[in-house]
Structure formats: structure tokens, C-alpha cells
Amino acid sequence: MDIILEAAAQLLERDGLEGFTTNAVAERAGVSIGAVYRYFPNKRALTHALAERESALHGAEMRRLLLENGAGLAPDRALVRAFIGAFQGRARARRIAMGIWFQTTPAEALASRFDAFIQTLNQTHGPLEPIQAFVLTRAMHGAMRSGVLEGVDFFHDQAFEDELVSLSRAYLAQVRARSESQTKT
């Protein structure tokens, strides 16, 4: 199955949706069309599975960066860096696959992807109220998601990562300051 997904990513990157057919994927993967259909009933299911695979890889990379912390990465920077590095730099394939993934994945499943990051934030910055965790994660995710779907040319720039980390830290500092002022009164 991985060889089929890899072939799909390569074709999406090279040809976009115009050249993306199950026959082309089968040929690129060196498998029969029946092998493709055994796992994926159609192109949409194939692109959704590709996005799921990359999302899982992103989650694993984020956990690795957080656990190893050998580079001294803060949780917010680990999240951003792992997300930016997903799809191995294949911007066109990422845009197509993630566009379909966002359309076909239930909201609850998307929301559950934030749980590990929120737990890490709660451990490193003190407990956030549920609304605070929601606002912070969705603000960061919204900027990253827009970067993918709009195909911005600065997506892999260090400046983009730095701006997202600044967003996170400024919000957390504001939450902390508000909390401290409320405990003083």
C-alpha cells in the first residue's frame, strides 16, 4: 500500500489533478490497477489516504521532536516545524491531498489531532482553559492550513516558522498576564 501512496504523491506533485488517475498511479507504482482498487475504491479515497498518512507522519515527527528535545525545541516550535516539513516539500501534492482531506474528514477527527499538542502546552505553560487552548491551536492551524491551501511561497522560510511561534508565545504571555492580574485582585 505504501508504494501506491508514494506513487500517488509523486504524480500529484508532478502532474496535479489533471494527470492523476488510478491507472497512472498503478503504472507509476508498478502494480496492477486491481491492486490499486483493492485498497482504494477511487481517486478521492486515494488522496484522502495519502493525506492521512502524511498527517500521521506529522504527528509522529512532532512527538519525536517533543520527546527528544535534543535541539532544545519548545512545543510550539516543534509543532510548527513538523507541520512545515510534512510531505517532504511536495507543495502541490500537499495542497491537493490536504484540500480533499479537510473536505472529507469529520470535524471531531480534525479536533482530536490537537489533543497531544494541548496536553504538552498544559504541561509546559500551565493549564489552559479549554477556550484558550481552542483559540491558540486553531489560530496556529488556520495560518498553517492557509499557507498550504494557498500555496504561499514563504511556507518553508524560517521567517514563517518564527512568526507562527511568535503568535503562540504572544498569546500564551497574554493569557499568563491576565491570569496573574486576576489572582492579584
C-alpha atoms as a PDB file:
ATOM      1  CA  MET A   1       0.000   0.000   0.000  1.00  0.00           C
ATOM      2  CA  ASP A   2       2.870   2.420   0.795  1.00  0.00           C
ATOM      3  CA  ILE A   3       4.241   2.089  -2.727  1.00  0.00           C
ATOM      4  CA  ILE A   4       0.830   3.102  -4.092  1.00  0.00           C
ATOM      5  CA  LEU A   5       0.641   6.123  -1.789  1.00  0.00           C
ATOM      6  CA  GLU A   6       4.170   7.171  -2.704  1.00  0.00           C
ATOM      7  CA  ALA A   7       3.333   6.879  -6.411  1.00  0.00           C
ATOM      8  CA  ALA A   8       0.208   8.974  -5.820  1.00  0.00           C
ATOM      9  CA  ALA A   9       2.252  11.689  -4.081  1.00  0.00           C
ATOM     10  CA  GLN A  10       4.773  11.762  -6.907  1.00  0.00           C
ATOM     11  CA  LEU A  11       2.057  12.031  -9.558  1.00  0.00           C
ATOM     12  CA  LEU A  12       0.158  14.740  -7.702  1.00  0.00           C
ATOM     13  CA  GLU A  13       3.346  16.737  -7.336  1.00  0.00           C
ATOM     14  CA  ARG A  14       4.359  16.332 -10.969  1.00  0.00           C
ATOM     15  CA  ASP A  15       1.005  16.479 -12.781  1.00  0.00           C
ATOM     16  CA  GLY A  16      -1.561  17.828 -10.326  1.00  0.00           C
ATOM     17  CA  LEU A  17      -5.118  16.517 -10.529  1.00  0.00           C
ATOM     18  CA  GLU A  18      -5.062  16.722 -14.333  1.00  0.00           C
ATOM     19  CA  GLY A  19      -2.708  13.768 -14.700  1.00  0.00           C
ATOM     20  CA  PHE A  20      -3.820  11.947 -11.578  1.00  0.00           C
ATOM     21  CA  THR A  21      -5.672   8.766 -12.477  1.00  0.00           C
ATOM     22  CA  THR A  22      -5.782   5.383 -10.825  1.00  0.00           C
ATOM     23  CA  ASN A  23      -4.237   3.915 -13.989  1.00  0.00           C
ATOM     24  CA  ALA A  24      -1.347   6.387 -13.791  1.00  0.00           C
ATOM     25  CA  VAL A  25      -0.851   5.583 -10.097  1.00  0.00           C
ATOM     26  CA  ALA A  26      -0.816   1.847 -10.811  1.00  0.00           C
ATOM     27  CA  GLU A  27       1.709   2.317 -13.606  1.00  0.00           C
ATOM     28  CA  ARG A  28       3.932   4.576 -11.503  1.00  0.00           C
ATOM     29  CA  ALA A  29       3.777   2.143  -8.558  1.00  0.00           C
ATOM     30  CA  GLY A  30       4.460  -0.851 -10.805  1.00  0.00           C
ATOM     31  CA  VAL A  31       1.305  -2.653  -9.706  1.00  0.00           C
ATOM     32  CA  SER A  32      -1.890  -3.718 -11.415  1.00  0.00           C
ATOM     33  CA  ILE A  33      -4.946  -1.471 -11.446  1.00  0.00           C
ATOM     34  CA  GLY A  34      -6.648  -4.211  -9.419  1.00  0.00           C
ATOM     35  CA  ALA A  35      -4.051  -3.752  -6.677  1.00  0.00           C
ATOM     36  CA  VAL A  36      -4.871  -0.048  -6.506  1.00  0.00           C
ATOM     37  CA  TYR A  37      -8.618  -0.753  -6.329  1.00  0.00           C
ATOM     38  CA  ARG A  38      -8.072  -3.396  -3.659  1.00  0.00           C
ATOM     39  CA  TYR A  39      -7.039  -0.625  -1.269  1.00  0.00           C
ATOM     40  CA  PHE A  40      -8.712   2.461  -2.744  1.00  0.00           C
ATOM     41  CA  PRO A  41     -12.125   2.478  -4.444  1.00  0.00           C
ATOM     42  CA  ASN A  42     -11.437   5.804  -6.216  1.00  0.00           C
ATOM     43  CA  LYS A  43      -9.049   8.763  -6.569  1.00  0.00           C
ATOM     44  CA  ARG A  44     -10.680  10.653  -3.701  1.00  0.00           C
ATOM     45  CA  ALA A  45     -10.118   7.728  -1.324  1.00  0.00           C
ATOM     46  CA  LEU A  46      -6.518   7.510  -2.511  1.00  0.00           C
ATOM     47  CA  THR A  47      -5.790  11.202  -1.923  1.00  0.00           C
ATOM     48  CA  HIS A  48      -7.566  11.047   1.445  1.00  0.00           C
ATOM     49  CA  ALA A  49      -5.377   8.089   2.460  1.00  0.00           C
ATOM     50  CA  LEU A  50      -2.291   9.981   1.315  1.00  0.00           C
ATOM     51  CA  ALA A  51      -3.259  12.951   3.488  1.00  0.00           C
ATOM     52  CA  GLU A  52      -3.988  10.618   6.427  1.00  0.00           C
ATOM     53  CA  ARG A  53      -0.553   9.051   6.046  1.00  0.00           C
ATOM     54  CA  GLU A  54       1.148  12.426   5.987  1.00  0.00           C
ATOM     55  CA  SER A  55      -0.905  13.628   8.945  1.00  0.00           C
ATOM     56  CA  ALA A  56       0.186  10.573  10.933  1.00  0.00           C
ATOM     57  CA  LEU A  57       3.808  11.184   9.928  1.00  0.00           C
ATOM     58  CA  HIS A  58       3.444  14.805  11.051  1.00  0.00           C
ATOM     59  CA  GLY A  59       2.126  13.657  14.423  1.00  0.00           C
ATOM     60  CA  ALA A  60       4.970  11.173  14.832  1.00  0.00           C
ATOM     61  CA  GLU A  61       7.541  13.814  13.901  1.00  0.00           C
ATOM     62  CA  MET A  62       6.023  16.267  16.374  1.00  0.00           C
ATOM     63  CA  ARG A  63       6.134  13.647  19.155  1.00  0.00           C
ATOM     64  CA  ARG A  64       9.732  12.813  18.239  1.00  0.00           C
ATOM     65  CA  LEU A  65      10.755  16.454  18.389  1.00  0.00           C
ATOM     66  CA  LEU A  66       8.955  16.942  21.703  1.00  0.00           C
ATOM     67  CA  LEU A  67      10.334  13.778  23.304  1.00  0.00           C
ATOM     68  CA  GLU A  68      13.901  14.067  22.096  1.00  0.00           C
ATOM     69  CA  ASN A  69      14.053  17.804  22.629  1.00  0.00           C
ATOM     70  CA  GLY A  70      17.696  17.415  21.737  1.00  0.00           C
ATOM     71  CA  ALA A  71      17.512  20.524  19.623  1.00  0.00           C
ATOM     72  CA  GLY A  72      16.017  22.432  22.548  1.00  0.00           C
ATOM     73  CA  LEU A  73      12.764  22.947  20.665  1.00  0.00           C
ATOM     74  CA  ALA A  74       9.833  24.391  22.525  1.00  0.00           C
ATOM     75  CA  PRO A  75       6.495  22.616  21.935  1.00  0.00           C
ATOM     76  CA  ASP A  76       5.120  25.394  19.744  1.00  0.00           C
ATOM     77  CA  ARG A  77       8.201  25.365  17.524  1.00  0.00           C
ATOM     78  CA  ALA A  78       8.180  21.551  17.350  1.00  0.00           C
ATOM     79  CA  LEU A  79       4.566  21.612  16.144  1.00  0.00           C
ATOM     80  CA  VAL A  80       5.247  24.226  13.500  1.00  0.00           C
ATOM     81  CA  ARG A  81       8.485  22.647  12.287  1.00  0.00           C
ATOM     82  CA  ALA A  82       6.913  19.191  11.990  1.00  0.00           C
ATOM     83  CA  PHE A  83       3.932  20.591  10.076  1.00  0.00           C
ATOM     84  CA  ILE A  84       6.066  22.611   7.693  1.00  0.00           C
ATOM     85  CA  GLY A  85       8.299  19.608   6.984  1.00  0.00           C
ATOM     86  CA  ALA A  86       5.416  17.254   6.136  1.00  0.00           C
ATOM     87  CA  PHE A  87       5.011  15.920   2.598  1.00  0.00           C
ATOM     88  CA  GLN A  88       8.776  16.147   2.131  1.00  0.00           C
ATOM     89  CA  GLY A  89       8.479  19.542   0.489  1.00  0.00           C
ATOM     90  CA  ARG A  90       5.908  18.419  -2.096  1.00  0.00           C
ATOM     91  CA  ALA A  91       3.823  21.590  -2.068  1.00  0.00           C
ATOM     92  CA  ARG A  92       1.492  20.752  -4.946  1.00  0.00           C
ATOM     93  CA  ALA A  93       0.741  17.207  -3.730  1.00  0.00           C
ATOM     94  CA  ARG A  94       0.214  18.528  -0.216  1.00  0.00           C
ATOM     95  CA  ARG A  95      -2.198  21.238  -1.332  1.00  0.00           C
ATOM     96  CA  ILE A  96      -4.325  18.787  -3.313  1.00  0.00           C
ATOM     97  CA  ALA A  97      -4.311  15.947  -0.771  1.00  0.00           C
ATOM     98  CA  MET A  98      -4.907  18.182   2.239  1.00  0.00           C
ATOM     99  CA  GLY A  99      -7.684  20.063   0.455  1.00  0.00           C
ATOM    100  CA  ILE A 100      -9.505  16.775  -0.049  1.00  0.00           C
ATOM    101  CA  TRP A 101      -8.660  15.624   3.483  1.00  0.00           C
ATOM    102  CA  PHE A 102     -10.153  18.756   5.043  1.00  0.00           C
ATOM    103  CA  GLN A 103     -13.325  18.254   2.987  1.00  0.00           C
ATOM    104  CA  THR A 104     -13.736  14.582   3.856  1.00  0.00           C
ATOM    105  CA  THR A 105     -12.558  14.307   7.464  1.00  0.00           C
ATOM    106  CA  PRO A 106     -15.208  14.774  10.172  1.00  0.00           C
ATOM    107  CA  ALA A 107     -14.720  17.805  12.422  1.00  0.00           C
ATOM    108  CA  GLU A 108     -14.319  15.601  15.511  1.00  0.00           C
ATOM    109  CA  ALA A 109     -11.422  13.751  13.889  1.00  0.00           C
ATOM    110  CA  LEU A 110      -9.738  17.031  12.967  1.00  0.00           C
ATOM    111  CA  ALA A 111     -10.216  18.349  16.509  1.00  0.00           C
ATOM    112  CA  SER A 112      -8.696  15.226  18.073  1.00  0.00           C
ATOM    113  CA  ARG A 113      -5.424  15.981  16.240  1.00  0.00           C
ATOM    114  CA  PHE A 114      -4.841  18.879  18.651  1.00  0.00           C
ATOM    115  CA  ASP A 115      -5.084  16.837  21.862  1.00  0.00           C
ATOM    116  CA  ALA A 116      -1.402  15.892  22.178  1.00  0.00           C
ATOM    117  CA  PHE A 117      -0.271  19.446  21.498  1.00  0.00           C
ATOM    118  CA  ILE A 118      -2.731  20.861  24.043  1.00  0.00           C
ATOM    119  CA  GLN A 119      -1.528  18.362  26.659  1.00  0.00           C
ATOM    120  CA  THR A 120       2.056  19.414  26.006  1.00  0.00           C
ATOM    121  CA  LEU A 121       1.142  23.089  26.301  1.00  0.00           C
ATOM    122  CA  ASN A 122      -0.635  22.401  29.582  1.00  0.00           C
ATOM    123  CA  GLN A 123       2.476  20.678  30.925  1.00  0.00           C
ATOM    124  CA  THR A 124       4.920  23.354  29.776  1.00  0.00           C
ATOM    125  CA  HIS A 125       2.882  26.538  30.247  1.00  0.00           C
ATOM    126  CA  GLY A 126       0.409  25.596  32.951  1.00  0.00           C
ATOM    127  CA  PRO A 127      -3.160  24.555  32.338  1.00  0.00           C
ATOM    128  CA  LEU A 128      -5.035  26.460  29.686  1.00  0.00           C
ATOM    129  CA  GLU A 129      -8.755  26.862  29.835  1.00  0.00           C
ATOM    130  CA  PRO A 130     -10.474  24.874  27.081  1.00  0.00           C
ATOM    131  CA  ILE A 131     -11.398  28.055  25.200  1.00  0.00           C
ATOM    132  CA  GLN A 132      -7.805  29.314  25.394  1.00  0.00           C
ATOM    133  CA  ALA A 133      -6.439  26.027  24.071  1.00  0.00           C
ATOM    134  CA  PHE A 134      -9.014  26.100  21.285  1.00  0.00           C
ATOM    135  CA  VAL A 135      -8.210  29.673  20.239  1.00  0.00           C
ATOM    136  CA  LEU A 136      -4.449  29.129  20.244  1.00  0.00           C
ATOM    137  CA  THR A 137      -4.400  25.823  18.384  1.00  0.00           C
ATOM    138  CA  ARG A 138      -6.938  26.916  15.790  1.00  0.00           C
ATOM    139  CA  ALA A 139      -5.197  30.245  15.188  1.00  0.00           C
ATOM    140  CA  MET A 140      -1.907  28.468  14.515  1.00  0.00           C
ATOM    141  CA  HIS A 141      -3.577  25.736  12.497  1.00  0.00           C
ATOM    142  CA  GLY A 142      -5.537  28.299  10.472  1.00  0.00           C
ATOM    143  CA  ALA A 143      -2.364  30.099   9.421  1.00  0.00           C
ATOM    144  CA  MET A 144      -0.582  26.858   8.556  1.00  0.00           C
ATOM    145  CA  ARG A 145      -3.615  25.452   6.744  1.00  0.00           C
ATOM    146  CA  SER A 146      -3.987  28.653   4.730  1.00  0.00           C
ATOM    147  CA  GLY A 147      -0.307  28.513   3.849  1.00  0.00           C
ATOM    148  CA  VAL A 148      -0.781  25.009   2.444  1.00  0.00           C
ATOM    149  CA  LEU A 149      -4.034  25.625   0.591  1.00  0.00           C
ATOM    150  CA  GLU A 150      -2.945  28.987  -0.819  1.00  0.00           C
ATOM    151  CA  GLY A 151       0.489  27.704  -1.784  1.00  0.00           C
ATOM    152  CA  VAL A 152       2.361  30.659  -0.304  1.00  0.00           C
ATOM    153  CA  ASP A 153       5.955  30.864  -1.487  1.00  0.00           C
ATOM    154  CA  PHE A 154       7.324  31.529   2.016  1.00  0.00           C
ATOM    155  CA  PHE A 155       5.857  28.374   3.566  1.00  0.00           C
ATOM    156  CA  HIS A 156       9.296  26.773   4.166  1.00  0.00           C
ATOM    157  CA  ASP A 157      11.010  30.004   5.194  1.00  0.00           C
ATOM    158  CA  GLN A 158      12.386  30.309   8.707  1.00  0.00           C
ATOM    159  CA  ALA A 159      10.544  33.634   8.967  1.00  0.00           C
ATOM    160  CA  PHE A 160       7.162  31.864   8.607  1.00  0.00           C
ATOM    161  CA  GLU A 161       8.071  29.421  11.376  1.00  0.00           C
ATOM    162  CA  ASP A 162       9.242  32.313  13.554  1.00  0.00           C
ATOM    163  CA  GLU A 163       6.013  34.268  13.013  1.00  0.00           C
ATOM    164  CA  LEU A 164       3.884  31.290  13.999  1.00  0.00           C
ATOM    165  CA  VAL A 165       5.983  30.731  17.112  1.00  0.00           C
ATOM    166  CA  SER A 166       5.668  34.446  17.946  1.00  0.00           C
ATOM    167  CA  LEU A 167       1.897  34.154  17.609  1.00  0.00           C
ATOM    168  CA  SER A 168       1.845  31.249  20.041  1.00  0.00           C
ATOM    169  CA  ARG A 169       4.132  32.870  22.575  1.00  0.00           C
ATOM    170  CA  ALA A 170       2.423  36.250  22.474  1.00  0.00           C
ATOM    171  CA  TYR A 171      -0.942  34.617  23.103  1.00  0.00           C
ATOM    172  CA  LEU A 172       0.431  32.480  25.947  1.00  0.00           C
ATOM    173  CA  ALA A 173       2.089  35.541  27.509  1.00  0.00           C
ATOM    174  CA  GLN A 174      -1.199  37.446  27.303  1.00  0.00           C
ATOM    175  CA  VAL A 175      -3.085  34.545  28.927  1.00  0.00           C
ATOM    176  CA  ARG A 176      -0.478  34.305  31.690  1.00  0.00           C
ATOM    177  CA  ALA A 177      -0.538  38.073  32.333  1.00  0.00           C
ATOM    178  CA  ARG A 178      -4.328  38.091  32.510  1.00  0.00           C
ATOM    179  CA  SER A 179      -4.289  35.162  34.923  1.00  0.00           C
ATOM    180  CA  GLU A 180      -1.708  36.839  37.155  1.00  0.00           C
ATOM    181  CA  SER A 181      -3.658  40.097  37.263  1.00  0.00           C
ATOM    182  CA  GLN A 182      -6.835  38.214  38.216  1.00  0.00           C
ATOM    183  CA  THR A 183      -5.098  36.426  41.097  1.00  0.00           C
ATOM    184  CA  LYS A 184      -3.758  39.755  42.443  1.00  0.00           C
ATOM    185  CA  THR A 185      -7.204  41.302  42.698  1.00  0.00           C
END
